[in-house]
Amino acid sequence: MEIRCKNCQKIYFVDANKIPKTGKVFLKCKNCGEKVEIQRKIPSNTLEPQQTNYSRSIEYFEPGSKTALIYCQEIQALKEIEKRLNDLAYQVRIIKNQDDARHFFRFNIFDLVILYQHGPDPDENLIDILKYIHQMPPDIRRNCLVTYVYMSGNKYDLFDAFSRGVDMCINPLDIGEFDKLIPLLIEQKNNNYKVFFDCKRKVEETLV
């Protein structure tokens, strides 16, 4: 079983039979010292069905609405992020876990996702939300700008963002610059994927 360190990308090979069927184990990367999570991969045909909360109401946004999801366990930071996005005319929804993210993306494609890491390490809910985002179909994921906020985040460190599977890493001080930063990031992302979406649109037109 191949295991990759998310920090330095060093690859390890681990005997899958030595990994417990439930729970998680960790190894310390010999190259950079990062704690690397190891979890047995379950074949897709044996996955247990996802529990769905049918008591939640279906929600749709007006065409052209700017939409954003926020995961943040730090109250003051959450209020600041929500205020900044409201000032940018975003329809904001708060999520607390992967089930919330799954529910909202079931009915809408969100333009922006803000993930806030409170403390030196991501909590279990944040890790699960990231896993869900990583599994999104490419055409949905490329329409969504995922921004990861943590104390050592650096908006110029593209490798850090790539290694985490997000579009940008920033630190909490950058939240005050959302009015300039978010539109710029969205424009850059749209430019990066312009060829992809142009080709996708042409293919869809030929199928009509």
N, C-alpha and C. Protein backbone atom coordinates (compact mmCIF):
# COMPACT_ATOMS: atom_id res chain seq x y z
N MET A 1 0.86 -1.19 0.00
CA MET A 1 0.00 0.00 0.00
C MET A 1 0.90 1.24 0.00
N GLU A 2 0.63 2.18 -0.93
CA GLU A 2 1.45 3.37 -1.07
C GLU A 2 0.93 4.49 -0.17
N ILE A 3 1.81 5.07 0.63
CA ILE A 3 1.47 6.18 1.51
C ILE A 3 2.36 7.35 1.14
N ARG A 4 1.76 8.54 1.01
CA ARG A 4 2.53 9.73 0.64
C ARG A 4 2.45 10.78 1.75
N CYS A 5 3.57 11.33 2.14
CA CYS A 5 3.59 12.43 3.11
C CYS A 5 3.06 13.68 2.44
N LYS A 6 2.02 14.28 3.01
CA LYS A 6 1.41 15.48 2.41
C LYS A 6 2.31 16.69 2.50
N ASN A 7 3.28 16.66 3.40
CA ASN A 7 4.15 17.82 3.59
C ASN A 7 5.31 17.84 2.60
N CYS A 8 6.04 16.73 2.49
CA CYS A 8 7.22 16.70 1.61
C CYS A 8 7.06 15.78 0.41
N GLN A 9 5.92 15.05 0.33
CA GLN A 9 5.59 14.17 -0.79
C GLN A 9 6.43 12.89 -0.85
N LYS A 10 7.18 12.58 0.22
CA LYS A 10 7.95 11.33 0.24
C LYS A 10 6.99 10.14 0.27
N ILE A 11 7.29 9.10 -0.49
CA ILE A 11 6.42 7.94 -0.62
C ILE A 11 6.95 6.79 0.24
N TYR A 12 6.02 6.15 0.97
CA TYR A 12 6.34 4.96 1.75
C TYR A 12 5.45 3.81 1.26
N PHE A 13 5.94 2.60 1.42
CA PHE A 13 5.15 1.42 1.07
C PHE A 13 4.93 0.61 2.34
N VAL A 14 3.64 0.41 2.68
CA VAL A 14 3.26 -0.24 3.92
C VAL A 14 2.46 -1.50 3.61
N ASP A 15 2.71 -2.55 4.36
CA ASP A 15 1.95 -3.80 4.21
C ASP A 15 0.53 -3.55 4.69
N ALA A 16 -0.45 -3.63 3.79
CA ALA A 16 -1.84 -3.34 4.13
C ALA A 16 -2.38 -4.28 5.20
N ASN A 17 -1.82 -5.49 5.28
CA ASN A 17 -2.30 -6.46 6.28
C ASN A 17 -1.97 -6.04 7.70
N LYS A 18 -1.03 -5.11 7.85
CA LYS A 18 -0.63 -4.64 9.17
C LYS A 18 -1.43 -3.43 9.63
N ILE A 19 -2.33 -2.95 8.77
CA ILE A 19 -3.15 -1.79 9.10
C ILE A 19 -4.48 -2.28 9.64
N PRO A 20 -4.92 -1.80 10.80
CA PRO A 20 -6.21 -2.25 11.36
C PRO A 20 -7.37 -1.90 10.44
N LYS A 21 -8.41 -2.76 10.45
CA LYS A 21 -9.56 -2.53 9.59
C LYS A 21 -10.36 -1.31 10.01
N THR A 22 -10.32 -0.97 11.28
CA THR A 22 -11.01 0.21 11.78
C THR A 22 -10.02 1.09 12.50
N GLY A 23 -10.32 2.37 12.58
CA GLY A 23 -9.43 3.29 13.25
C GLY A 23 -8.31 3.75 12.33
N LYS A 24 -7.36 4.50 12.89
CA LYS A 24 -6.27 5.06 12.11
C LYS A 24 -4.96 4.84 12.83
N VAL A 25 -3.88 4.77 12.08
CA VAL A 25 -2.55 4.73 12.65
C VAL A 25 -1.73 5.83 11.98
N PHE A 26 -0.64 6.21 12.61
CA PHE A 26 0.18 7.29 12.08
C PHE A 26 1.64 6.85 12.09
N LEU A 27 2.39 7.37 11.14
CA LEU A 27 3.83 7.20 11.16
C LEU A 27 4.48 8.57 11.04
N LYS A 28 5.68 8.68 11.55
CA LYS A 28 6.41 9.94 11.47
C LYS A 28 7.32 9.90 10.26
N CYS A 29 7.14 10.89 9.38
CA CYS A 29 7.95 10.94 8.15
C CYS A 29 9.42 11.11 8.52
N LYS A 30 10.27 10.21 8.02
CA LYS A 30 11.70 10.29 8.31
C LYS A 30 12.36 11.46 7.60
N ASN A 31 11.70 11.96 6.57
CA ASN A 31 12.29 13.03 5.77
C ASN A 31 12.05 14.42 6.38
N CYS A 32 10.79 14.67 6.86
CA CYS A 32 10.46 16.01 7.35
C CYS A 32 9.88 16.03 8.76
N GLY A 33 9.57 14.84 9.31
CA GLY A 33 9.02 14.79 10.65
C GLY A 33 7.52 14.94 10.73
N GLU A 34 6.85 15.09 9.58
CA GLU A 34 5.39 15.26 9.55
C GLU A 34 4.69 13.97 10.01
N LYS A 35 3.55 14.12 10.71
CA LYS A 35 2.74 12.97 11.12
C LYS A 35 1.88 12.55 9.93
N VAL A 36 2.06 11.34 9.44
CA VAL A 36 1.38 10.84 8.25
C VAL A 36 0.29 9.86 8.67
N GLU A 37 -0.94 10.15 8.27
CA GLU A 37 -2.07 9.28 8.61
C GLU A 37 -2.13 8.08 7.67
N ILE A 38 -2.37 6.91 8.24
CA ILE A 38 -2.53 5.69 7.45
C ILE A 38 -3.87 5.07 7.78
N GLN A 39 -4.66 4.82 6.76
CA GLN A 39 -5.98 4.23 6.97
C GLN A 39 -6.24 3.22 5.87
N ARG A 40 -6.74 2.07 6.25
CA ARG A 40 -7.00 1.01 5.27
C ARG A 40 -8.04 1.48 4.26
N LYS A 41 -7.74 1.30 2.99
CA LYS A 41 -8.69 1.66 1.93
C LYS A 41 -9.75 0.58 1.81
N ILE A 42 -10.99 1.02 1.82
CA ILE A 42 -12.10 0.08 1.68
C ILE A 42 -12.57 0.07 0.24
N PRO A 43 -12.68 -1.09 -0.41
CA PRO A 43 -13.16 -1.13 -1.80
C PRO A 43 -14.50 -0.43 -1.92
N SER A 44 -14.69 0.26 -3.05
CA SER A 44 -15.89 1.07 -3.23
C SER A 44 -17.17 0.25 -3.15
N ASN A 45 -17.10 -1.04 -3.55
CA ASN A 45 -18.32 -1.85 -3.55
C ASN A 45 -18.68 -2.36 -2.15
N THR A 46 -17.82 -2.06 -1.13
CA THR A 46 -18.13 -2.48 0.23
C THR A 46 -18.42 -1.31 1.14
N LEU A 47 -18.45 -0.11 0.59
CA LEU A 47 -18.71 1.07 1.41
C LEU A 47 -20.12 1.02 1.97
N GLU A 48 -20.25 1.41 3.23
CA GLU A 48 -21.58 1.48 3.83
C GLU A 48 -22.30 2.69 3.27
N PRO A 49 -23.61 2.62 3.08
CA PRO A 49 -24.35 3.76 2.55
C PRO A 49 -24.26 4.95 3.49
N GLN A 50 -24.17 6.15 2.89
CA GLN A 50 -24.12 7.38 3.67
C GLN A 50 -25.46 7.64 4.33
N GLN A 51 -25.41 8.02 5.59
CA GLN A 51 -26.63 8.39 6.27
C GLN A 51 -27.07 9.77 5.80
N THR A 52 -28.30 9.91 5.47
CA THR A 52 -28.83 11.16 4.97
C THR A 52 -29.87 11.71 5.92
N ASN A 53 -29.75 13.01 6.18
CA ASN A 53 -30.71 13.66 7.07
C ASN A 53 -31.83 14.23 6.21
N TYR A 54 -32.92 13.49 6.07
CA TYR A 54 -34.00 13.92 5.20
C TYR A 54 -34.85 15.02 5.83
N SER A 55 -34.59 15.32 7.11
CA SER A 55 -35.36 16.38 7.75
C SER A 55 -34.90 17.76 7.31
N ARG A 56 -33.73 17.84 6.66
CA ARG A 56 -33.23 19.12 6.20
C ARG A 56 -34.02 19.55 4.96
N SER A 57 -34.26 20.83 4.88
CA SER A 57 -35.02 21.35 3.74
C SER A 57 -34.11 21.52 2.53
N ILE A 58 -34.70 21.35 1.35
CA ILE A 58 -33.98 21.57 0.10
C ILE A 58 -33.89 23.08 -0.12
N GLU A 59 -32.71 23.55 -0.48
CA GLU A 59 -32.50 24.98 -0.64
C GLU A 59 -31.89 25.28 -2.01
N TYR A 60 -32.48 26.24 -2.68
CA TYR A 60 -31.94 26.68 -3.97
C TYR A 60 -31.71 28.19 -3.92
N PHE A 61 -30.72 28.64 -4.66
CA PHE A 61 -30.40 30.05 -4.72
C PHE A 61 -30.83 30.64 -6.06
N GLU A 62 -31.09 31.92 -6.05
CA GLU A 62 -31.45 32.61 -7.29
C GLU A 62 -30.29 32.52 -8.28
N PRO A 63 -30.59 32.37 -9.58
CA PRO A 63 -29.51 32.33 -10.58
C PRO A 63 -28.62 33.57 -10.48
N GLY A 64 -27.34 33.36 -10.54
CA GLY A 64 -26.39 34.46 -10.44
C GLY A 64 -25.95 34.78 -9.03
N SER A 65 -26.55 34.12 -8.03
CA SER A 65 -26.16 34.37 -6.64
C SER A 65 -24.74 33.87 -6.39
N LYS A 66 -24.01 34.60 -5.58
CA LYS A 66 -22.68 34.18 -5.15
C LYS A 66 -22.84 33.42 -3.83
N THR A 67 -22.32 32.20 -3.77
CA THR A 67 -22.57 31.34 -2.62
C THR A 67 -21.26 30.91 -1.96
N ALA A 68 -21.32 30.75 -0.64
CA ALA A 68 -20.11 30.38 0.09
C ALA A 68 -20.46 29.48 1.28
N LEU A 69 -19.60 28.50 1.55
CA LEU A 69 -19.68 27.66 2.73
C LEU A 69 -18.50 27.99 3.64
N ILE A 70 -18.75 27.99 4.94
CA ILE A 70 -17.68 28.26 5.91
C ILE A 70 -17.62 27.13 6.93
N TYR A 71 -16.40 26.62 7.15
CA TYR A 71 -16.17 25.76 8.31
C TYR A 71 -15.19 26.49 9.22
N CYS A 72 -15.63 26.83 10.41
CA CYS A 72 -14.78 27.55 11.35
C CYS A 72 -15.29 27.32 12.77
N GLN A 73 -14.44 26.80 13.62
CA GLN A 73 -14.82 26.51 15.00
C GLN A 73 -14.46 27.65 15.96
N GLU A 74 -13.78 28.67 15.44
CA GLU A 74 -13.38 29.80 16.28
C GLU A 74 -14.41 30.91 16.09
N ILE A 75 -15.16 31.25 17.13
CA ILE A 75 -16.34 32.11 17.01
C ILE A 75 -16.01 33.47 16.42
N GLN A 76 -15.00 34.14 16.94
CA GLN A 76 -14.69 35.49 16.46
C GLN A 76 -14.23 35.46 15.00
N ALA A 77 -13.43 34.48 14.66
CA ALA A 77 -12.99 34.36 13.27
C ALA A 77 -14.17 34.08 12.35
N LEU A 78 -15.11 33.24 12.80
CA LEU A 78 -16.30 32.94 12.01
C LEU A 78 -17.11 34.20 11.74
N LYS A 79 -17.31 35.01 12.78
CA LYS A 79 -18.06 36.26 12.61
C LYS A 79 -17.37 37.19 11.62
N GLU A 80 -16.04 37.26 11.70
CA GLU A 80 -15.29 38.13 10.80
C GLU A 80 -15.39 37.64 9.35
N ILE A 81 -15.23 36.33 9.15
CA ILE A 81 -15.31 35.77 7.79
C ILE A 81 -16.70 35.99 7.21
N GLU A 82 -17.73 35.72 8.03
CA GLU A 82 -19.11 35.87 7.57
C GLU A 82 -19.40 37.32 7.20
N LYS A 83 -18.92 38.25 8.01
CA LYS A 83 -19.14 39.67 7.73
C LYS A 83 -18.47 40.08 6.42
N ARG A 84 -17.24 39.64 6.23
CA ARG A 84 -16.51 40.01 5.00
C ARG A 84 -17.20 39.45 3.76
N LEU A 85 -17.69 38.22 3.85
CA LEU A 85 -18.36 37.62 2.69
C LEU A 85 -19.73 38.26 2.45
N ASN A 86 -20.43 38.62 3.52
CA ASN A 86 -21.69 39.33 3.35
C ASN A 86 -21.47 40.68 2.66
N ASP A 87 -20.38 41.34 3.01
CA ASP A 87 -20.04 42.62 2.36
C ASP A 87 -19.78 42.43 0.88
N LEU A 88 -19.34 41.22 0.49
CA LEU A 88 -19.09 40.91 -0.92
C LEU A 88 -20.32 40.30 -1.59
N ALA A 89 -21.47 40.37 -0.89
CA ALA A 89 -22.77 39.92 -1.42
C ALA A 89 -22.85 38.41 -1.60
N TYR A 90 -22.14 37.66 -0.76
CA TYR A 90 -22.24 36.20 -0.81
C TYR A 90 -23.40 35.72 0.05
N GLN A 91 -24.09 34.69 -0.43
CA GLN A 91 -25.05 33.95 0.37
C GLN A 91 -24.25 32.92 1.16
N VAL A 92 -24.17 33.09 2.48
CA VAL A 92 -23.26 32.31 3.31
C VAL A 92 -24.02 31.23 4.08
N ARG A 93 -23.44 30.02 4.12
CA ARG A 93 -23.96 28.94 4.93
C ARG A 93 -22.81 28.37 5.76
N ILE A 94 -23.12 28.01 7.01
CA ILE A 94 -22.11 27.49 7.93
C ILE A 94 -22.22 25.97 7.98
N ILE A 95 -21.09 25.28 7.92
CA ILE A 95 -21.09 23.83 8.05
C ILE A 95 -20.28 23.42 9.27
N LYS A 96 -20.65 22.29 9.87
CA LYS A 96 -19.97 21.80 11.06
C LYS A 96 -19.26 20.47 10.85
N ASN A 97 -19.59 19.79 9.75
CA ASN A 97 -18.99 18.49 9.50
C ASN A 97 -19.18 18.11 8.03
N GLN A 98 -18.71 16.91 7.68
CA GLN A 98 -18.79 16.45 6.30
C GLN A 98 -20.23 16.27 5.85
N ASP A 99 -21.11 15.81 6.74
CA ASP A 99 -22.51 15.62 6.38
C ASP A 99 -23.15 16.94 5.94
N ASP A 100 -22.81 18.02 6.63
CA ASP A 100 -23.33 19.33 6.24
C ASP A 100 -22.85 19.71 4.84
N ALA A 101 -21.56 19.51 4.59
CA ALA A 101 -21.01 19.84 3.28
C ALA A 101 -21.67 19.00 2.19
N ARG A 102 -21.85 17.72 2.47
CA ARG A 102 -22.48 16.82 1.50
C ARG A 102 -23.92 17.27 1.21
N HIS A 103 -24.64 17.69 2.26
CA HIS A 103 -26.02 18.13 2.09
C HIS A 103 -26.10 19.36 1.20
N PHE A 104 -25.27 20.36 1.47
CA PHE A 104 -25.35 21.60 0.70
C PHE A 104 -24.92 21.40 -0.75
N PHE A 105 -23.88 20.58 -0.98
CA PHE A 105 -23.42 20.36 -2.35
C PHE A 105 -24.36 19.42 -3.11
N ARG A 106 -25.24 18.78 -2.40
CA ARG A 106 -26.19 17.90 -3.08
C ARG A 106 -27.14 18.71 -3.97
N PHE A 107 -27.44 19.94 -3.58
CA PHE A 107 -28.42 20.75 -4.30
C PHE A 107 -27.81 21.97 -5.00
N ASN A 108 -26.59 22.34 -4.65
CA ASN A 108 -25.99 23.54 -5.23
C ASN A 108 -24.49 23.35 -5.40
N ILE A 109 -23.92 24.07 -6.38
CA ILE A 109 -22.47 24.16 -6.50
C ILE A 109 -22.06 25.49 -5.88
N PHE A 110 -21.27 25.45 -4.82
CA PHE A 110 -20.88 26.66 -4.13
C PHE A 110 -19.63 27.26 -4.76
N ASP A 111 -19.67 28.59 -4.91
CA ASP A 111 -18.54 29.29 -5.54
C ASP A 111 -17.30 29.29 -4.66
N LEU A 112 -17.52 29.31 -3.35
CA LEU A 112 -16.42 29.53 -2.42
C LEU A 112 -16.60 28.66 -1.18
N VAL A 113 -15.49 28.04 -0.73
CA VAL A 113 -15.48 27.30 0.52
C VAL A 113 -14.31 27.82 1.35
N ILE A 114 -14.61 28.25 2.57
CA ILE A 114 -13.57 28.72 3.48
C ILE A 114 -13.42 27.68 4.60
N LEU A 115 -12.23 27.14 4.76
CA LEU A 115 -11.94 26.15 5.80
C LEU A 115 -10.92 26.75 6.77
N TYR A 116 -11.32 26.87 8.02
CA TYR A 116 -10.49 27.52 9.03
C TYR A 116 -9.97 26.48 10.02
N GLN A 117 -8.64 26.39 10.11
CA GLN A 117 -8.01 25.46 11.06
C GLN A 117 -7.74 26.21 12.36
N HIS A 118 -8.41 25.80 13.41
CA HIS A 118 -8.23 26.41 14.73
C HIS A 118 -7.27 25.57 15.54
N GLY A 119 -6.05 26.07 15.75
CA GLY A 119 -5.05 25.30 16.48
C GLY A 119 -3.94 24.81 15.55
N PRO A 120 -2.96 24.11 16.13
CA PRO A 120 -1.80 23.67 15.33
C PRO A 120 -2.10 22.55 14.34
N ASP A 121 -3.15 21.78 14.60
CA ASP A 121 -3.49 20.65 13.72
C ASP A 121 -4.97 20.70 13.35
N PRO A 122 -5.32 20.22 12.16
CA PRO A 122 -6.74 20.17 11.77
C PRO A 122 -7.51 19.17 12.62
N ASP A 123 -8.74 19.49 12.99
CA ASP A 123 -9.56 18.55 13.75
C ASP A 123 -10.18 17.52 12.81
N GLU A 124 -10.82 16.51 13.39
CA GLU A 124 -11.36 15.40 12.60
C GLU A 124 -12.41 15.86 11.59
N ASN A 125 -13.27 16.80 11.99
CA ASN A 125 -14.30 17.28 11.07
C ASN A 125 -13.68 17.99 9.87
N LEU A 126 -12.65 18.78 10.11
CA LEU A 126 -11.97 19.48 9.02
C LEU A 126 -11.31 18.48 8.07
N ILE A 127 -10.68 17.46 8.63
CA ILE A 127 -10.06 16.42 7.79
C ILE A 127 -11.11 15.72 6.93
N ASP A 128 -12.25 15.41 7.53
CA ASP A 128 -13.32 14.73 6.78
C ASP A 128 -13.89 15.61 5.68
N ILE A 129 -14.04 16.91 5.94
CA ILE A 129 -14.54 17.83 4.92
C ILE A 129 -13.56 17.91 3.76
N LEU A 130 -12.28 17.97 4.07
CA LEU A 130 -11.26 18.00 3.02
C LEU A 130 -11.31 16.73 2.16
N LYS A 131 -11.50 15.59 2.81
CA LYS A 131 -11.61 14.33 2.06
C LYS A 131 -12.79 14.36 1.10
N TYR A 132 -13.90 14.91 1.56
CA TYR A 132 -15.08 15.01 0.70
C TYR A 132 -14.80 15.91 -0.50
N ILE A 133 -14.16 17.03 -0.26
CA ILE A 133 -13.83 17.97 -1.34
C ILE A 133 -12.90 17.30 -2.35
N HIS A 134 -11.93 16.54 -1.86
CA HIS A 134 -10.98 15.87 -2.76
C HIS A 134 -11.67 14.86 -3.66
N GLN A 135 -12.81 14.32 -3.22
CA GLN A 135 -13.51 13.30 -3.99
C GLN A 135 -14.56 13.87 -4.95
N MET A 136 -14.69 15.17 -4.98
CA MET A 136 -15.69 15.79 -5.86
C MET A 136 -15.35 15.53 -7.33
N PRO A 137 -16.37 15.41 -8.19
CA PRO A 137 -16.12 15.32 -9.64
C PRO A 137 -15.36 16.56 -10.11
N PRO A 138 -14.44 16.44 -11.06
CA PRO A 138 -13.61 17.55 -11.49
C PRO A 138 -14.38 18.79 -11.94
N ASP A 139 -15.50 18.60 -12.66
CA ASP A 139 -16.21 19.77 -13.16
C ASP A 139 -16.87 20.56 -12.04
N ILE A 140 -17.22 19.88 -10.92
CA ILE A 140 -17.76 20.59 -9.76
C ILE A 140 -16.64 21.25 -8.97
N ARG A 141 -15.58 20.48 -8.73
CA ARG A 141 -14.45 21.01 -7.94
C ARG A 141 -13.83 22.23 -8.59
N ARG A 142 -13.75 22.24 -9.91
CA ARG A 142 -13.09 23.37 -10.59
C ARG A 142 -13.94 24.63 -10.60
N ASN A 143 -15.22 24.49 -10.28
CA ASN A 143 -16.09 25.66 -10.16
C ASN A 143 -16.04 26.26 -8.76
N CYS A 144 -15.35 25.60 -7.84
CA CYS A 144 -15.38 25.96 -6.43
C CYS A 144 -13.99 26.39 -5.97
N LEU A 145 -13.88 27.58 -5.42
CA LEU A 145 -12.62 28.08 -4.88
C LEU A 145 -12.52 27.67 -3.41
N VAL A 146 -11.58 26.81 -3.09
CA VAL A 146 -11.40 26.34 -1.71
C VAL A 146 -10.20 27.06 -1.09
N THR A 147 -10.47 27.79 -0.02
CA THR A 147 -9.42 28.55 0.66
C THR A 147 -9.23 28.01 2.08
N TYR A 148 -7.99 27.70 2.41
CA TYR A 148 -7.65 27.10 3.69
C TYR A 148 -6.96 28.16 4.55
N VAL A 149 -7.52 28.40 5.74
CA VAL A 149 -6.99 29.44 6.64
C VAL A 149 -6.34 28.77 7.84
N TYR A 150 -5.06 29.05 8.07
CA TYR A 150 -4.39 28.56 9.27
C TYR A 150 -3.22 29.49 9.58
N MET A 151 -2.68 29.37 10.79
CA MET A 151 -1.74 30.37 11.29
C MET A 151 -0.50 30.55 10.41
N SER A 152 -0.02 29.45 9.82
CA SER A 152 1.20 29.53 9.00
C SER A 152 0.88 29.66 7.51
N GLY A 153 -0.38 29.90 7.19
CA GLY A 153 -0.77 30.00 5.78
C GLY A 153 -0.09 31.16 5.07
N ASN A 154 0.29 30.91 3.83
CA ASN A 154 0.97 31.93 3.02
C ASN A 154 0.35 31.94 1.63
N LYS A 155 -0.29 33.04 1.27
CA LYS A 155 -0.99 33.11 -0.01
C LYS A 155 -0.07 32.97 -1.21
N TYR A 156 1.25 33.11 -0.99
CA TYR A 156 2.18 32.98 -2.09
C TYR A 156 2.78 31.57 -2.19
N ASP A 157 2.46 30.72 -1.23
CA ASP A 157 3.00 29.36 -1.21
C ASP A 157 2.04 28.42 -1.93
N LEU A 158 2.19 28.32 -3.24
CA LEU A 158 1.29 27.50 -4.05
C LEU A 158 1.51 26.01 -3.81
N PHE A 159 2.73 25.62 -3.44
CA PHE A 159 2.99 24.20 -3.18
C PHE A 159 2.23 23.74 -1.94
N ASP A 160 2.15 24.60 -0.93
CA ASP A 160 1.41 24.26 0.28
C ASP A 160 -0.06 24.02 -0.07
N ALA A 161 -0.63 24.90 -0.88
CA ALA A 161 -2.02 24.74 -1.30
C ALA A 161 -2.20 23.45 -2.09
N PHE A 162 -1.29 23.18 -3.00
CA PHE A 162 -1.37 21.97 -3.82
C PHE A 162 -1.31 20.71 -2.95
N SER A 163 -0.41 20.69 -1.97
CA SER A 163 -0.23 19.52 -1.12
C SER A 163 -1.46 19.26 -0.25
N ARG A 164 -2.23 20.31 0.05
CA ARG A 164 -3.44 20.16 0.86
C ARG A 164 -4.69 19.93 0.01
N GLY A 165 -4.54 20.05 -1.30
CA GLY A 165 -5.68 19.84 -2.18
C GLY A 165 -6.65 21.00 -2.19
N VAL A 166 -6.14 22.22 -1.93
CA VAL A 166 -6.98 23.41 -1.94
C VAL A 166 -6.43 24.40 -2.96
N ASP A 167 -7.15 25.50 -3.17
CA ASP A 167 -6.71 26.48 -4.16
C ASP A 167 -5.77 27.53 -3.59
N MET A 168 -5.93 27.82 -2.29
CA MET A 168 -5.10 28.85 -1.69
C MET A 168 -5.02 28.64 -0.19
N CYS A 169 -3.84 28.85 0.39
CA CYS A 169 -3.66 28.86 1.84
C CYS A 169 -3.36 30.29 2.28
N ILE A 170 -4.07 30.75 3.28
CA ILE A 170 -3.85 32.09 3.79
C ILE A 170 -3.80 32.02 5.32
N ASN A 171 -3.35 33.11 5.94
CA ASN A 171 -3.37 33.15 7.40
C ASN A 171 -4.51 34.05 7.85
N PRO A 172 -4.90 34.00 9.12
CA PRO A 172 -6.06 34.76 9.59
C PRO A 172 -5.98 36.26 9.32
N LEU A 173 -4.78 36.81 9.25
CA LEU A 173 -4.64 38.25 8.98
C LEU A 173 -5.14 38.63 7.59
N ASP A 174 -5.13 37.65 6.67
CA ASP A 174 -5.59 37.91 5.31
C ASP A 174 -7.11 38.03 5.20
N ILE A 175 -7.84 37.64 6.25
CA ILE A 175 -9.30 37.72 6.20
C ILE A 175 -9.75 39.16 6.00
N GLY A 176 -9.02 40.09 6.58
CA GLY A 176 -9.37 41.50 6.42
C GLY A 176 -9.21 42.02 5.01
N GLU A 177 -8.56 41.24 4.14
CA GLU A 177 -8.34 41.66 2.75
C GLU A 177 -9.21 40.87 1.77
N PHE A 178 -10.27 40.23 2.29
CA PHE A 178 -11.13 39.43 1.43
C PHE A 178 -11.71 40.23 0.27
N ASP A 179 -12.00 41.52 0.49
CA ASP A 179 -12.61 42.32 -0.57
C ASP A 179 -11.72 42.42 -1.80
N LYS A 180 -10.41 42.31 -1.60
CA LYS A 180 -9.47 42.34 -2.72
C LYS A 180 -9.01 40.93 -3.10
N LEU A 181 -8.82 40.11 -2.09
CA LEU A 181 -8.21 38.79 -2.31
C LEU A 181 -9.15 37.82 -3.00
N ILE A 182 -10.41 37.72 -2.55
CA ILE A 182 -11.34 36.72 -3.10
C ILE A 182 -11.62 36.96 -4.59
N PRO A 183 -11.99 38.19 -5.00
CA PRO A 183 -12.22 38.40 -6.45
C PRO A 183 -10.98 38.08 -7.28
N LEU A 184 -9.79 38.42 -6.77
CA LEU A 184 -8.56 38.13 -7.50
C LEU A 184 -8.33 36.63 -7.66
N LEU A 185 -8.56 35.88 -6.58
CA LEU A 185 -8.38 34.43 -6.62
C LEU A 185 -9.37 33.77 -7.58
N ILE A 186 -10.61 34.24 -7.58
CA ILE A 186 -11.61 33.67 -8.47
C ILE A 186 -11.26 33.96 -9.93
N GLU A 187 -10.79 35.16 -10.20
CA GLU A 187 -10.39 35.52 -11.57
C GLU A 187 -9.23 34.63 -12.03
N GLN A 188 -8.25 34.42 -11.14
CA GLN A 188 -7.11 33.57 -11.49
C GLN A 188 -7.55 32.14 -11.75
N LYS A 189 -8.46 31.64 -10.92
CA LYS A 189 -8.93 30.27 -11.09
C LYS A 189 -9.70 30.11 -12.41
N ASN A 190 -10.55 31.09 -12.71
CA ASN A 190 -11.30 31.04 -13.97
C ASN A 190 -10.37 31.05 -15.17
N ASN A 191 -9.30 31.84 -15.09
CA ASN A 191 -8.33 31.89 -16.18
C ASN A 191 -7.59 30.56 -16.32
N ASN A 192 -7.27 29.95 -15.19
CA ASN A 192 -6.53 28.68 -15.21
C ASN A 192 -7.35 27.56 -15.87
N TYR A 193 -8.67 27.60 -15.67
CA TYR A 193 -9.53 26.53 -16.18
C TYR A 193 -10.37 26.97 -17.38
N LYS A 194 -10.00 28.09 -18.00
CA LYS A 194 -10.78 28.59 -19.12
C LYS A 194 -10.85 27.56 -20.26
N VAL A 195 -9.72 26.96 -20.60
CA VAL A 195 -9.69 25.99 -21.70
C VAL A 195 -10.58 24.79 -21.35
N PHE A 196 -10.51 24.32 -20.10
CA PHE A 196 -11.32 23.18 -19.67
C PHE A 196 -12.81 23.47 -19.84
N PHE A 197 -13.26 24.64 -19.35
CA PHE A 197 -14.68 24.94 -19.41
C PHE A 197 -15.14 25.27 -20.84
N ASP A 198 -14.26 25.85 -21.65
CA ASP A 198 -14.61 26.09 -23.05
C ASP A 198 -14.83 24.77 -23.79
N CYS A 199 -13.94 23.81 -23.55
CA CYS A 199 -14.07 22.49 -24.19
C CYS A 199 -15.32 21.77 -23.69
N LYS A 200 -15.57 21.87 -22.39
CA LYS A 200 -16.75 21.23 -21.81
C LYS A 200 -18.03 21.80 -22.42
N ARG A 201 -18.08 23.12 -22.59
CA ARG A 201 -19.26 23.76 -23.16
C ARG A 201 -19.47 23.32 -24.62
N LYS A 202 -18.41 23.20 -25.39
CA LYS A 202 -18.51 22.77 -26.79
C LYS A 202 -19.03 21.34 -26.88
N VAL A 203 -18.53 20.48 -25.97
CA VAL A 203 -18.99 19.08 -25.97
C VAL A 203 -20.47 19.03 -25.64
N GLU A 204 -20.89 19.80 -24.65
CA GLU A 204 -22.31 19.81 -24.25
C GLU A 204 -23.18 20.34 -25.38
N GLU A 205 -22.68 21.32 -26.15
CA GLU A 205 -23.47 21.87 -27.25
C GLU A 205 -23.68 20.84 -28.35
N THR A 206 -22.67 19.97 -28.57
CA THR A 206 -22.80 18.95 -29.62
C THR A 206 -23.79 17.84 -29.21
N LEU A 207 -24.03 17.72 -27.90
CA LEU A 207 -24.93 16.68 -27.43
C LEU A 207 -26.39 17.12 -27.38
N VAL A 208 -26.61 18.42 -27.54
CA VAL A 208 -28.00 18.94 -27.47
C VAL A 208 -28.73 18.61 -28.77
